[in-house]
C-alpha cells in the first residue's frame, strides 16, 4: 500500500512538473526570480526529450509501482503512458511539442517586456 501511494505521489509530482514547464514562464511575470527555476525545468525537459535520458520521476514512479505490485510504466515512459494517446493522439506529438515551445517562448517574451 505504501508503494502504491508513493507511486501516485510521484505521478502527481510529475504532472505538476510538466504543468510548470508549460506555464512557469507566466508565473515569473509575477514572481521574477522564479525565471531561473523555470529555465532549469525547461532545460531538463528539452534534455530528456532530445537525448531520451530517463527522468528521475519516471524511474521513481516505475520503481514504486513495481514494488507495490502494479505493472511498471512502459519503456517509452511517463508521457507516452499518461498523455500521448490519452490527452492527444500520438500523431500530434510534434505539434503539441511545438505548441508548448511557442507557449514558453511567449511567456519569456512577456517576461522581458514586463521588465522594461
PDB file of N, CA and C in Angstrom:
ATOM      1  N   UNK A   1       0.821  -1.191   0.000  1.00  0.00           N
ATOM      2  CA  UNK A   1       0.000   0.000   0.000  1.00  0.00           C
ATOM      3  C   UNK A   1       0.869   1.261   0.000  1.00  0.00           C
ATOM      4  N   UNK A   2       1.942   1.248   0.775  1.00  0.00           N
ATOM      5  CA  UNK A   2       2.822   2.407   0.848  1.00  0.00           C
ATOM      6  C   UNK A   2       3.451   2.715  -0.512  1.00  0.00           C
ATOM      7  N   UNK A   3       3.873   1.686  -1.238  1.00  0.00           N
ATOM      8  CA  UNK A   3       4.498   1.896  -2.537  1.00  0.00           C
ATOM      9  C   UNK A   3       3.501   2.421  -3.568  1.00  0.00           C
ATOM     10  N   UNK A   4       2.264   1.976  -3.469  1.00  0.00           N
ATOM     11  CA  UNK A   4       1.230   2.484  -4.387  1.00  0.00           C
ATOM     12  C   UNK A   4       0.979   3.969  -4.136  1.00  0.00           C
ATOM     13  N   UNK A   5       0.931   4.350  -2.862  1.00  0.00           N
ATOM     14  CA  UNK A   5       0.768   5.769  -2.533  1.00  0.00           C
ATOM     15  C   UNK A   5       1.970   6.585  -3.009  1.00  0.00           C
ATOM     16  N   UNK A   6       3.145   6.019  -2.842  1.00  0.00           N
ATOM     17  CA  UNK A   6       4.351   6.689  -3.316  1.00  0.00           C
ATOM     18  C   UNK A   6       4.315   6.850  -4.831  1.00  0.00           C
ATOM     19  N   UNK A   7       3.904   5.798  -5.535  1.00  0.00           N
ATOM     20  CA  UNK A   7       3.797   5.872  -6.999  1.00  0.00           C
ATOM     21  C   UNK A   7       2.814   6.953  -7.408  1.00  0.00           C
ATOM     22  N   UNK A   8       1.692   7.029  -6.715  1.00  0.00           N
ATOM     23  CA  UNK A   8       0.706   8.069  -7.023  1.00  0.00           C
ATOM     24  C   UNK A   8       1.259   9.463  -6.732  1.00  0.00           C
ATOM     25  N   UNK A   9       1.977   9.607  -5.632  1.00  0.00           N
ATOM     26  CA  UNK A   9       2.561  10.903  -5.283  1.00  0.00           C
ATOM     27  C   UNK A   9       3.584  11.343  -6.327  1.00  0.00           C
ATOM     28  N   UNK A  10       4.386  10.400  -6.794  1.00  0.00           N
ATOM     29  CA  UNK A  10       5.376  10.730  -7.824  1.00  0.00           C
ATOM     30  C   UNK A  10       4.671  11.095  -9.128  1.00  0.00           C
ATOM     31  N   UNK A  11       3.599  10.380  -9.466  1.00  0.00           N
ATOM     32  CA  UNK A  11       2.845  10.683 -10.682  1.00  0.00           C
ATOM     33  C   UNK A  11       2.282  12.107 -10.613  1.00  0.00           C
ATOM     34  N   UNK A  12       1.693  12.479  -9.480  1.00  0.00           N
ATOM     35  CA  UNK A  12       1.137  13.824  -9.315  1.00  0.00           C
ATOM     36  C   UNK A  12       2.255  14.867  -9.414  1.00  0.00           C
ATOM     37  N   UNK A  13       3.389  14.582  -8.800  1.00  0.00           N
ATOM     38  CA  UNK A  13       4.541  15.476  -8.881  1.00  0.00           C
ATOM     39  C   UNK A  13       4.993  15.641 -10.324  1.00  0.00           C
ATOM     40  N   UNK A  14       4.989  14.550 -11.071  1.00  0.00           N
ATOM     41  CA  UNK A  14       5.408  14.597 -12.472  1.00  0.00           C
ATOM     42  C   UNK A  14       4.454  15.456 -13.300  1.00  0.00           C
ATOM     43  N   UNK A  15       3.151  15.294 -13.083  1.00  0.00           N
ATOM     44  CA  UNK A  15       2.180  16.133 -13.781  1.00  0.00           C
ATOM     45  C   UNK A  15       2.382  17.605 -13.402  1.00  0.00           C
ATOM     46  N   UNK A  16       2.646  17.864 -12.120  1.00  0.00           N
ATOM     47  CA  UNK A  16       2.878  19.241 -11.677  1.00  0.00           C
ATOM     48  C   UNK A  16       4.125  19.821 -12.348  1.00  0.00           C
ATOM     49  N   UNK A  17       5.163  19.002 -12.468  1.00  0.00           N
ATOM     50  CA  UNK A  17       6.383  19.453 -13.148  1.00  0.00           C
ATOM     51  C   UNK A  17       6.087  19.810 -14.599  1.00  0.00           C
ATOM     52  N   UNK A  18       5.347  18.952 -15.288  1.00  0.00           N
ATOM     53  CA  UNK A  18       5.022  19.225 -16.690  1.00  0.00           C
ATOM     54  C   UNK A  18       4.155  20.476 -16.826  1.00  0.00           C
ATOM     55  N   UNK A  19       3.232  20.671 -15.898  1.00  0.00           N
ATOM     56  CA  UNK A  19       2.414  21.885 -15.917  1.00  0.00           C
ATOM     57  C   UNK A  19       3.292  23.111 -15.683  1.00  0.00           C
ATOM     58  N   UNK A  20       4.253  22.992 -14.783  1.00  0.00           N
ATOM     59  CA  UNK A  20       5.168  24.105 -14.519  1.00  0.00           C
ATOM     60  C   UNK A  20       6.009  24.422 -15.747  1.00  0.00           C
ATOM     61  N   UNK A  21       6.463  23.394 -16.456  1.00  0.00           N
ATOM     62  CA  UNK A  21       7.213  23.624 -17.686  1.00  0.00           C
ATOM     63  C   UNK A  21       6.357  24.425 -18.666  1.00  0.00           C
ATOM     64  N   UNK A  22       5.074  24.087 -18.750  1.00  0.00           N
ATOM     65  CA  UNK A  22       4.186  24.755 -19.701  1.00  0.00           C
ATOM     66  C   UNK A  22       3.880  26.198 -19.303  1.00  0.00           C
ATOM     67  N   UNK A  23       3.644  26.466 -18.027  1.00  0.00           N
ATOM     68  CA  UNK A  23       3.148  27.796 -17.636  1.00  0.00           C
ATOM     69  C   UNK A  23       4.041  28.534 -16.640  1.00  0.00           C
ATOM     70  N   UNK A  24       5.142  27.954 -16.253  1.00  0.00           N
ATOM     71  CA  UNK A  24       6.007  28.585 -15.260  1.00  0.00           C
ATOM     72  C   UNK A  24       6.576  29.918 -15.703  1.00  0.00           C
ATOM     73  N   UNK A  25       6.761  30.089 -17.003  1.00  0.00           N
ATOM     74  CA  UNK A  25       7.245  31.375 -17.501  1.00  0.00           C
ATOM     75  C   UNK A  25       6.267  32.499 -17.211  1.00  0.00           C
ATOM     76  N   UNK A  26       4.986  32.180 -17.238  1.00  0.00           N
ATOM     77  CA  UNK A  26       3.968  33.185 -16.904  1.00  0.00           C
ATOM     78  C   UNK A  26       3.987  33.499 -15.411  1.00  0.00           C
ATOM     79  N   UNK A  27       4.265  32.498 -14.590  1.00  0.00           N
ATOM     80  CA  UNK A  27       4.376  32.744 -13.141  1.00  0.00           C
ATOM     81  C   UNK A  27       5.525  33.699 -12.842  1.00  0.00           C
ATOM     82  N   UNK A  28       6.562  33.628 -13.676  1.00  0.00           N
ATOM     83  CA  UNK A  28       7.718  34.514 -13.483  1.00  0.00           C
ATOM     84  C   UNK A  28       7.380  35.967 -13.785  1.00  0.00           C
ATOM     85  N   UNK A  29       6.277  36.213 -14.469  1.00  0.00           N
ATOM     86  CA  UNK A  29       5.859  37.603 -14.671  1.00  0.00           C
ATOM     87  C   UNK A  29       5.567  38.241 -13.316  1.00  0.00           C
ATOM     88  N   UNK A  30       5.013  37.451 -12.412  1.00  0.00           N
ATOM     89  CA  UNK A  30       4.653  37.943 -11.081  1.00  0.00           C
ATOM     90  C   UNK A  30       5.798  37.757 -10.083  1.00  0.00           C
ATOM     91  N   UNK A  31       6.391  36.587 -10.088  1.00  0.00           N
ATOM     92  CA  UNK A  31       7.487  36.250  -9.173  1.00  0.00           C
ATOM     93  C   UNK A  31       8.755  36.128 -10.010  1.00  0.00           C
ATOM     94  N   UNK A  32       9.416  37.236 -10.202  1.00  0.00           N
ATOM     95  CA  UNK A  32      10.504  37.386 -11.166  1.00  0.00           C
ATOM     96  C   UNK A  32      11.647  36.381 -10.975  1.00  0.00           C
ATOM     97  N   UNK A  33      12.017  36.102  -9.767  1.00  0.00           N
ATOM     98  CA  UNK A  33      13.171  35.223  -9.527  1.00  0.00           C
ATOM     99  C   UNK A  33      12.907  33.777  -9.921  1.00  0.00           C
ATOM    100  N   UNK A  34      11.652  33.422 -10.088  1.00  0.00           N
ATOM    101  CA  UNK A  34      11.353  32.041 -10.461  1.00  0.00           C
ATOM    102  C   UNK A  34      11.730  31.727 -11.900  1.00  0.00           C
ATOM    103  N   UNK A  35      12.127  32.740 -12.659  1.00  0.00           N
ATOM    104  CA  UNK A  35      12.515  32.500 -14.046  1.00  0.00           C
ATOM    105  C   UNK A  35      13.700  31.535 -14.122  1.00  0.00           C
ATOM    106  N   UNK A  36      14.595  31.598 -13.156  1.00  0.00           N
ATOM    107  CA  UNK A  36      15.763  30.711 -13.175  1.00  0.00           C
ATOM    108  C   UNK A  36      15.356  29.259 -12.935  1.00  0.00           C
ATOM    109  N   UNK A  37      14.422  29.068 -12.034  1.00  0.00           N
ATOM    110  CA  UNK A  37      13.896  27.724 -11.803  1.00  0.00           C
ATOM    111  C   UNK A  37      13.193  27.218 -13.063  1.00  0.00           C
ATOM    112  N   UNK A  38      12.463  28.108 -13.710  1.00  0.00           N
ATOM    113  CA  UNK A  38      11.764  27.698 -14.930  1.00  0.00           C
ATOM    114  C   UNK A  38      12.747  27.387 -16.057  1.00  0.00           C
ATOM    115  N   UNK A  39      13.774  28.173 -16.200  1.00  0.00           N
ATOM    116  CA  UNK A  39      14.796  27.880 -17.208  1.00  0.00           C
ATOM    117  C   UNK A  39      15.409  26.497 -16.980  1.00  0.00           C
ATOM    118  N   UNK A  40      15.672  26.170 -15.721  1.00  0.00           N
ATOM    119  CA  UNK A  40      16.218  24.846 -15.401  1.00  0.00           C
ATOM    120  C   UNK A  40      15.215  23.744 -15.735  1.00  0.00           C
ATOM    121  N   UNK A  41      13.939  23.961 -15.422  1.00  0.00           N
ATOM    122  CA  UNK A  41      12.909  22.957 -15.711  1.00  0.00           C
ATOM    123  C   UNK A  41      12.759  22.751 -17.209  1.00  0.00           C
ATOM    124  N   UNK A  42      12.728  23.833 -17.963  1.00  0.00           N
ATOM    125  CA  UNK A  42      12.618  23.726 -19.424  1.00  0.00           C
ATOM    126  C   UNK A  42      13.870  23.062 -19.985  1.00  0.00           C
ATOM    127  N   UNK A  43      15.018  23.433 -19.471  1.00  0.00           N
ATOM    128  CA  UNK A  43      16.267  22.799 -19.918  1.00  0.00           C
ATOM    129  C   UNK A  43      16.242  21.298 -19.698  1.00  0.00           C
ATOM    130  N   UNK A  44      15.796  20.886 -18.507  1.00  0.00           N
ATOM    131  CA  UNK A  44      15.705  19.455 -18.224  1.00  0.00           C
ATOM    132  C   UNK A  44      14.723  18.771 -19.164  1.00  0.00           C
ATOM    133  N   UNK A  45      13.584  19.387 -19.400  1.00  0.00           N
ATOM    134  CA  UNK A  45      12.582  18.803 -20.295  1.00  0.00           C
ATOM    135  C   UNK A  45      13.153  18.629 -21.701  1.00  0.00           C
ATOM    136  N   UNK A  46      13.885  19.615 -22.176  1.00  0.00           N
ATOM    137  CA  UNK A  46      14.485  19.527 -23.512  1.00  0.00           C
ATOM    138  C   UNK A  46      15.539  18.423 -23.545  1.00  0.00           C
ATOM    139  N   UNK A  47      16.371  18.351 -22.524  1.00  0.00           N
ATOM    140  CA  UNK A  47      17.405  17.307 -22.476  1.00  0.00           C
ATOM    141  C   UNK A  47      16.781  15.919 -22.510  1.00  0.00           C
ATOM    142  N   UNK A  48      15.744  15.688 -21.722  1.00  0.00           N
ATOM    143  CA  UNK A  48      15.123  14.359 -21.710  1.00  0.00           C
ATOM    144  C   UNK A  48      14.446  14.051 -23.036  1.00  0.00           C
ATOM    145  N   UNK A  49      13.910  15.055 -23.678  1.00  0.00           N
ATOM    146  CA  UNK A  49      13.242  14.853 -24.962  1.00  0.00           C
ATOM    147  C   UNK A  49      14.248  14.554 -26.068  1.00  0.00           C
ATOM    148  N   UNK A  50      15.338  15.296 -26.094  1.00  0.00           N
ATOM    149  CA  UNK A  50      16.314  15.164 -27.173  1.00  0.00           C
ATOM    150  C   UNK A  50      17.214  13.951 -26.982  1.00  0.00           C
ATOM    151  N   UNK A  51      17.644  13.701 -25.752  1.00  0.00           N
ATOM    152  CA  UNK A  51      18.624  12.630 -25.519  1.00  0.00           C
ATOM    153  C   UNK A  51      17.989  11.320 -25.073  1.00  0.00           C
ATOM    154  N   UNK A  52      16.702  11.350 -24.773  1.00  0.00           N
ATOM    155  CA  UNK A  52      15.975  10.167 -24.285  1.00  0.00           C
ATOM    156  C   UNK A  52      16.524   9.652 -22.956  1.00  0.00           C
ATOM    157  N   UNK A  53      17.093  10.577 -22.168  1.00  0.00           N
ATOM    158  CA  UNK A  53      17.526  10.251 -20.807  1.00  0.00           C
ATOM    159  C   UNK A  53      16.273  10.036 -19.973  1.00  0.00           C
ATOM    160  N   UNK A  54      16.300   9.019 -19.121  1.00  0.00           N
ATOM    161  CA  UNK A  54      15.150   8.767 -18.256  1.00  0.00           C
ATOM    162  C   UNK A  54      15.043   9.854 -17.198  1.00  0.00           C
ATOM    163  N   UNK A  55      13.847  10.373 -17.044  1.00  0.00           N
ATOM    164  CA  UNK A  55      13.582  11.351 -15.996  1.00  0.00           C
ATOM    165  C   UNK A  55      13.588  10.626 -14.648  1.00  0.00           C
ATOM    166  N   UNK A  56      14.203  11.202 -13.633  1.00  0.00           N
ATOM    167  CA  UNK A  56      14.205  10.558 -12.315  1.00  0.00           C
ATOM    168  C   UNK A  56      12.796  10.323 -11.769  1.00  0.00           C
ATOM    169  N   UNK A  57      11.858  11.182 -12.111  1.00  0.00           N
ATOM    170  CA  UNK A  57      10.483  10.974 -11.653  1.00  0.00           C
ATOM    171  C   UNK A  57       9.874   9.737 -12.304  1.00  0.00           C
ATOM    172  N   UNK A  58      10.175   9.503 -13.563  1.00  0.00           N
ATOM    173  CA  UNK A  58       9.695   8.298 -14.242  1.00  0.00           C
ATOM    174  C   UNK A  58      10.300   7.055 -13.602  1.00  0.00           C
ATOM    175  N   UNK A  59      11.585   7.117 -13.351  1.00  0.00           N
ATOM    176  CA  UNK A  59      12.277   5.979 -12.720  1.00  0.00           C
ATOM    177  C   UNK A  59      11.684   5.710 -11.341  1.00  0.00           C
ATOM    178  N   UNK A  60      11.464   6.768 -10.553  1.00  0.00           N
ATOM    179  CA  UNK A  60      10.921   6.603  -9.203  1.00  0.00           C
ATOM    180  C   UNK A  60       9.503   6.041  -9.240  1.00  0.00           C
ATOM    181  N   UNK A  61       8.670   6.544 -10.139  1.00  0.00           N
ATOM    182  CA  UNK A  61       7.305   6.023 -10.215  1.00  0.00           C
ATOM    183  C   UNK A  61       7.299   4.564 -10.647  1.00  0.00           C
ATOM    184  N   UNK A  62       8.104   4.231 -11.654  1.00  0.00           N
ATOM    185  CA  UNK A  62       8.170   2.854 -12.126  1.00  0.00           C
ATOM    186  C   UNK A  62       8.608   1.917 -10.999  1.00  0.00           C
ATOM    187  N   UNK A  63       9.623   2.322 -10.253  1.00  0.00           N
ATOM    188  CA  UNK A  63      10.127   1.529  -9.134  1.00  0.00           C
ATOM    189  C   UNK A  63       9.028   1.316  -8.095  1.00  0.00           C
ATOM    190  N   UNK A  64       8.348   2.402  -7.720  1.00  0.00           N
ATOM    191  CA  UNK A  64       7.308   2.303  -6.691  1.00  0.00           C
ATOM    192  C   UNK A  64       6.126   1.461  -7.174  1.00  0.00           C
ATOM    193  N   UNK A  65       5.754   1.606  -8.436  1.00  0.00           N
ATOM    194  CA  UNK A  65       4.657   0.805  -8.982  1.00  0.00           C
ATOM    195  C   UNK A  65       4.998  -0.683  -8.908  1.00  0.00           C
ATOM    196  N   UNK A  66       6.183  -1.030  -9.323  1.00  0.00           N
ATOM    197  CA  UNK A  66       6.588  -2.445  -9.309  1.00  0.00           C
ATOM    198  C   UNK A  66       6.667  -2.983  -7.881  1.00  0.00           C
ATOM    199  N   UNK A  67       7.208  -2.180  -6.971  1.00  0.00           N
ATOM    200  CA  UNK A  67       7.287  -2.611  -5.569  1.00  0.00           C
ATOM    201  C   UNK A  67       5.906  -2.747  -4.941  1.00  0.00           C
ATOM    202  N   UNK A  68       4.945  -1.971  -5.456  1.00  0.00           N
ATOM    203  CA  UNK A  68       3.582  -2.016  -4.944  1.00  0.00           C
ATOM    204  C   UNK A  68       2.707  -3.056  -5.624  1.00  0.00           C
ATOM    205  N   UNK A  69       3.311  -3.878  -6.495  1.00  0.00           N
ATOM    206  CA  UNK A  69       2.555  -4.929  -7.158  1.00  0.00           C
ATOM    207  C   UNK A  69       1.784  -4.474  -8.385  1.00  0.00           C
ATOM    208  N   UNK A  70       2.038  -3.275  -8.839  1.00  0.00           N
ATOM    209  CA  UNK A  70       1.385  -2.763 -10.045  1.00  0.00           C
ATOM    210  C   UNK A  70       2.292  -2.982 -11.247  1.00  0.00           C
ATOM    211  N   UNK A  71       1.717  -2.991 -12.436  1.00  0.00           N
ATOM    212  CA  UNK A  71       2.591  -3.069 -13.614  1.00  0.00           C
ATOM    213  C   UNK A  71       3.434  -1.793 -13.708  1.00  0.00           C
ATOM    214  N   UNK A  72       4.651  -1.944 -14.155  1.00  0.00           N
ATOM    215  CA  UNK A  72       5.527  -0.786 -14.301  1.00  0.00           C
ATOM    216  C   UNK A  72       5.107   0.071 -15.483  1.00  0.00           C
ATOM    217  N   UNK A  73       5.742   1.209 -15.594  1.00  0.00           N
ATOM    218  CA  UNK A  73       5.496   2.068 -16.744  1.00  0.00           C
ATOM    219  C   UNK A  73       6.093   1.404 -17.989  1.00  0.00           C
ATOM    220  N   UNK A  74       5.535   1.688 -19.156  1.00  0.00           N
ATOM    221  CA  UNK A  74       6.121   1.121 -20.371  1.00  0.00           C
ATOM    222  C   UNK A  74       7.511   1.704 -20.615  1.00  0.00           C
ATOM    223  N   UNK A  75       8.327   1.027 -21.404  1.00  0.00           N
ATOM    224  CA  UNK A  75       9.681   1.537 -21.677  1.00  0.00           C
ATOM    225  C   UNK A  75       9.676   2.942 -22.289  1.00  0.00           C
ATOM    226  N   UNK A  76       8.592   3.307 -22.948  1.00  0.00           N
ATOM    227  CA  UNK A  76       8.512   4.637 -23.572  1.00  0.00           C
ATOM    228  C   UNK A  76       8.310   5.742 -22.542  1.00  0.00           C
ATOM    229  N   UNK A  77       7.922   5.409 -21.307  1.00  0.00           N
ATOM    230  CA  UNK A  77       7.909   6.375 -20.227  1.00  0.00           C
ATOM    231  C   UNK A  77       6.581   6.993 -19.861  1.00  0.00           C
ATOM    232  N   UNK A  78       6.687   7.991 -19.012  1.00  0.00           N
ATOM    233  CA  UNK A  78       5.553   8.663 -18.392  1.00  0.00           C
ATOM    234  C   UNK A  78       4.632   9.329 -19.410  1.00  0.00           C
ATOM    235  N   UNK A  79       5.202  10.151 -20.277  1.00  0.00           N
ATOM    236  CA  UNK A  79       4.388  10.910 -21.233  1.00  0.00           C
ATOM    237  C   UNK A  79       3.610   9.966 -22.140  1.00  0.00           C
ATOM    238  N   UNK A  80       4.269   8.946 -22.641  1.00  0.00           N
ATOM    239  CA  UNK A  80       3.581   8.001 -23.514  1.00  0.00           C
ATOM    240  C   UNK A  80       2.478   7.246 -22.779  1.00  0.00           C
ATOM    241  N   UNK A  81       2.688   6.980 -21.506  1.00  0.00           N
ATOM    242  CA  UNK A  81       1.710   6.207 -20.733  1.00  0.00           C
ATOM    243  C   UNK A  81       0.480   7.042 -20.354  1.00  0.00           C
ATOM    244  N   UNK A  82       0.705   8.260 -19.884  1.00  0.00           N
ATOM    245  CA  UNK A  82      -0.391   9.062 -19.343  1.00  0.00           C
ATOM    246  C   UNK A  82      -0.938  10.128 -20.293  1.00  0.00           C
ATOM    247  N   UNK A  83      -0.126  10.573 -21.252  1.00  0.00           N
ATOM    248  CA  UNK A  83      -0.529  11.747 -22.023  1.00  0.00           C
ATOM    249  C   UNK A  83      -0.749  11.435 -23.502  1.00  0.00           C
ATOM    250  N   UNK A  84       0.313  10.970 -24.183  1.00  0.00           N
ATOM    251  CA  UNK A  84       0.164  10.677 -25.612  1.00  0.00           C
ATOM    252  C   UNK A  84      -0.827   9.548 -25.810  1.00  0.00           C
ATOM    253  N   UNK A  85      -1.759   9.767 -26.708  1.00  0.00           N
ATOM    254  CA  UNK A  85      -2.782   8.768 -26.961  1.00  0.00           C
ATOM    255  C   UNK A  85      -3.936   8.833 -25.985  1.00  0.00           C
ATOM    256  N   UNK A  86      -3.764   9.622 -24.916  1.00  0.00           N
ATOM    257  CA  UNK A  86      -4.829   9.799 -23.927  1.00  0.00           C
ATOM    258  C   UNK A  86      -5.365  11.236 -24.013  1.00  0.00           C
ATOM    259  N   UNK A  87      -4.474  12.211 -23.885  1.00  0.00           N
ATOM    260  CA  UNK A  87      -4.856  13.617 -23.943  1.00  0.00           C
ATOM    261  C   UNK A  87      -4.928  14.096 -25.395  1.00  0.00           C
ATOM    262  N   UNK A  88      -3.996  13.634 -26.213  1.00  0.00           N
ATOM    263  CA  UNK A  88      -3.980  13.971 -27.635  1.00  0.00           C
ATOM    264  C   UNK A  88      -3.495  12.750 -28.410  1.00  0.00           C
ATOM    265  N   UNK A  89      -3.910  12.636 -29.669  1.00  0.00           N
ATOM    266  CA  UNK A  89      -3.467  11.487 -30.468  1.00  0.00           C
ATOM    267  C   UNK A  89      -1.951  11.505 -30.674  1.00  0.00           C
ATOM    268  N   UNK A  90      -1.367  10.341 -30.697  1.00  0.00           N
ATOM    269  CA  UNK A  90       0.083  10.198 -30.803  1.00  0.00           C
ATOM    270  C   UNK A  90       0.657  10.900 -32.024  1.00  0.00           C
ATOM    271  N   UNK A  91      -0.084  10.915 -33.118  1.00  0.00           N
ATOM    272  CA  UNK A  91       0.443  11.522 -34.351  1.00  0.00           C
ATOM    273  C   UNK A  91       0.596  13.043 -34.235  1.00  0.00           C
ATOM    274  N   UNK A  92       0.041  13.642 -33.192  1.00  0.00           N
ATOM    275  CA  UNK A  92       0.167  15.088 -32.993  1.00  0.00           C
ATOM    276  C   UNK A  92       1.236  15.451 -31.972  1.00  0.00           C
ATOM    277  N   UNK A  93       2.072  14.494 -31.590  1.00  0.00           N
ATOM    278  CA  UNK A  93       3.077  14.734 -30.549  1.00  0.00           C
ATOM    279  C   UNK A  93       3.994  15.901 -30.911  1.00  0.00           C
ATOM    280  N   UNK A  94       4.496  15.921 -32.130  1.00  0.00           N
ATOM    281  CA  UNK A  94       5.399  17.010 -32.513  1.00  0.00           C
ATOM    282  C   UNK A  94       4.684  18.352 -32.560  1.00  0.00           C
ATOM    283  N   UNK A  95       3.438  18.361 -32.969  1.00  0.00           N
ATOM    284  CA  UNK A  95       2.656  19.601 -32.983  1.00  0.00           C
ATOM    285  C   UNK A  95       2.433  20.108 -31.554  1.00  0.00           C
ATOM    286  N   UNK A  96       2.144  19.205 -30.643  1.00  0.00           N
ATOM    287  CA  UNK A  96       1.961  19.588 -29.234  1.00  0.00           C
ATOM    288  C   UNK A  96       3.270  20.129 -28.662  1.00  0.00           C
ATOM    289  N   UNK A  97       4.382  19.480 -28.976  1.00  0.00           N
ATOM    290  CA  UNK A  97       5.687  19.965 -28.504  1.00  0.00           C
ATOM    291  C   UNK A  97       5.977  21.353 -29.055  1.00  0.00           C
ATOM    292  N   UNK A  98       5.674  21.564 -30.327  1.00  0.00           N
ATOM    293  CA  UNK A  98       5.864  22.878 -30.928  1.00  0.00           C
ATOM    294  C   UNK A  98       4.976  23.916 -30.230  1.00  0.00           C
ATOM    295  N   UNK A  99       3.733  23.557 -29.973  1.00  0.00           N
ATOM    296  CA  UNK A  99       2.825  24.461 -29.271  1.00  0.00           C
ATOM    297  C   UNK A  99       3.340  24.824 -27.891  1.00  0.00           C
ATOM    298  N   UNK A 100       3.874  23.842 -27.170  1.00  0.00           N
ATOM    299  CA  UNK A 100       4.442  24.123 -25.845  1.00  0.00           C
ATOM    300  C   UNK A 100       5.669  25.016 -25.948  1.00  0.00           C
ATOM    301  N   UNK A 101       6.494  24.784 -26.959  1.00  0.00           N
ATOM    302  CA  UNK A 101       7.669  25.636 -27.154  1.00  0.00           C
ATOM    303  C   UNK A 101       7.243  27.069 -27.439  1.00  0.00           C
ATOM    304  N   UNK A 102       6.237  27.253 -28.270  1.00  0.00           N
ATOM    305  CA  UNK A 102       5.733  28.598 -28.563  1.00  0.00           C
ATOM    306  C   UNK A 102       5.168  29.238 -27.297  1.00  0.00           C
ATOM    307  N   UNK A 103       4.445  28.475 -26.509  1.00  0.00           N
ATOM    308  CA  UNK A 103       3.881  28.980 -25.258  1.00  0.00           C
ATOM    309  C   UNK A 103       4.991  29.456 -24.316  1.00  0.00           C
ATOM    310  N   UNK A 104       6.034  28.651 -24.176  1.00  0.00           N
ATOM    311  CA  UNK A 104       7.156  29.015 -23.301  1.00  0.00           C
ATOM    312  C   UNK A 104       7.866  30.256 -23.838  1.00  0.00           C
ATOM    313  N   UNK A 105       8.110  30.297 -25.139  1.00  0.00           N
ATOM    314  CA  UNK A 105       8.777  31.462 -25.724  1.00  0.00           C
ATOM    315  C   UNK A 105       7.925  32.725 -25.560  1.00  0.00           C
ATOM    316  N   UNK A 106       6.618  32.588 -25.708  1.00  0.00           N
ATOM    317  CA  UNK A 106       5.711  33.718 -25.493  1.00  0.00           C
ATOM    318  C   UNK A 106       5.802  34.192 -24.041  1.00  0.00           C
ATOM    319  N   UNK A 107       5.845  33.249 -23.113  1.00  0.00           N
ATOM    320  CA  UNK A 107       5.938  33.641 -21.701  1.00  0.00           C
ATOM    321  C   UNK A 107       7.256  34.356 -21.430  1.00  0.00           C
ATOM    322  N   UNK A 108       8.340  33.919 -22.080  1.00  0.00           N
ATOM    323  CA  UNK A 108       9.632  34.583 -21.901  1.00  0.00           C
ATOM    324  C   UNK A 108       9.626  35.971 -22.526  1.00  0.00           C
ATOM    325  N   UNK A 109       8.993  36.110 -23.689  1.00  0.00           N
ATOM    326  CA  UNK A 109       8.891  37.433 -24.312  1.00  0.00           C
ATOM    327  C   UNK A 109       8.114  38.373 -23.395  1.00  0.00           C
ATOM    328  N   UNK A 110       7.031  37.894 -22.818  1.00  0.00           N
ATOM    329  CA  UNK A 110       6.274  38.709 -21.874  1.00  0.00           C
ATOM    330  C   UNK A 110       7.073  39.057 -20.652  1.00  0.00           C
ATOM    331  N   UNK A 111       7.870  38.129 -20.178  1.00  0.00           N
ATOM    332  CA  UNK A 111       8.743  38.373 -19.016  1.00  0.00           C
ATOM    333  C   UNK A 111       9.689  39.524 -19.317  1.00  0.00           C
ATOM    334  N   UNK A 112      10.316  39.466 -20.488  1.00  0.00           N
ATOM    335  CA  UNK A 112      11.273  40.510 -20.870  1.00  0.00           C
ATOM    336  C   UNK A 112      10.570  41.851 -21.048  1.00  0.00           C
ATOM    337  N   UNK A 113       9.433  41.849 -21.716  1.00  0.00           N
ATOM    338  CA  UNK A 113       8.701  43.104 -21.953  1.00  0.00           C
ATOM    339  C   UNK A 113       8.205  43.721 -20.646  1.00  0.00           C
ATOM    340  N   UNK A 114       7.842  42.891 -19.692  1.00  0.00           N
ATOM    341  CA  UNK A 114       7.335  43.403 -18.416  1.00  0.00           C
ATOM    342  C   UNK A 114       8.473  43.984 -17.567  1.00  0.00           C
ATOM    343  N   UNK A 115       9.695  43.617 -17.854  1.00  0.00           N
ATOM    344  CA  UNK A 115      10.844  44.143 -17.109  1.00  0.00           C
ATOM    345  C   UNK A 115      11.143  45.577 -17.508  1.00  0.00           C
ATOM    346  N   UNK A 116      10.725  45.976 -18.686  1.00  0.00           N
ATOM    347  CA  UNK A 116      11.067  47.311 -19.203  1.00  0.00           C
ATOM    348  C   UNK A 116      10.160  48.380 -18.653  1.00  0.00           C
TER     349      UNK A 116
END
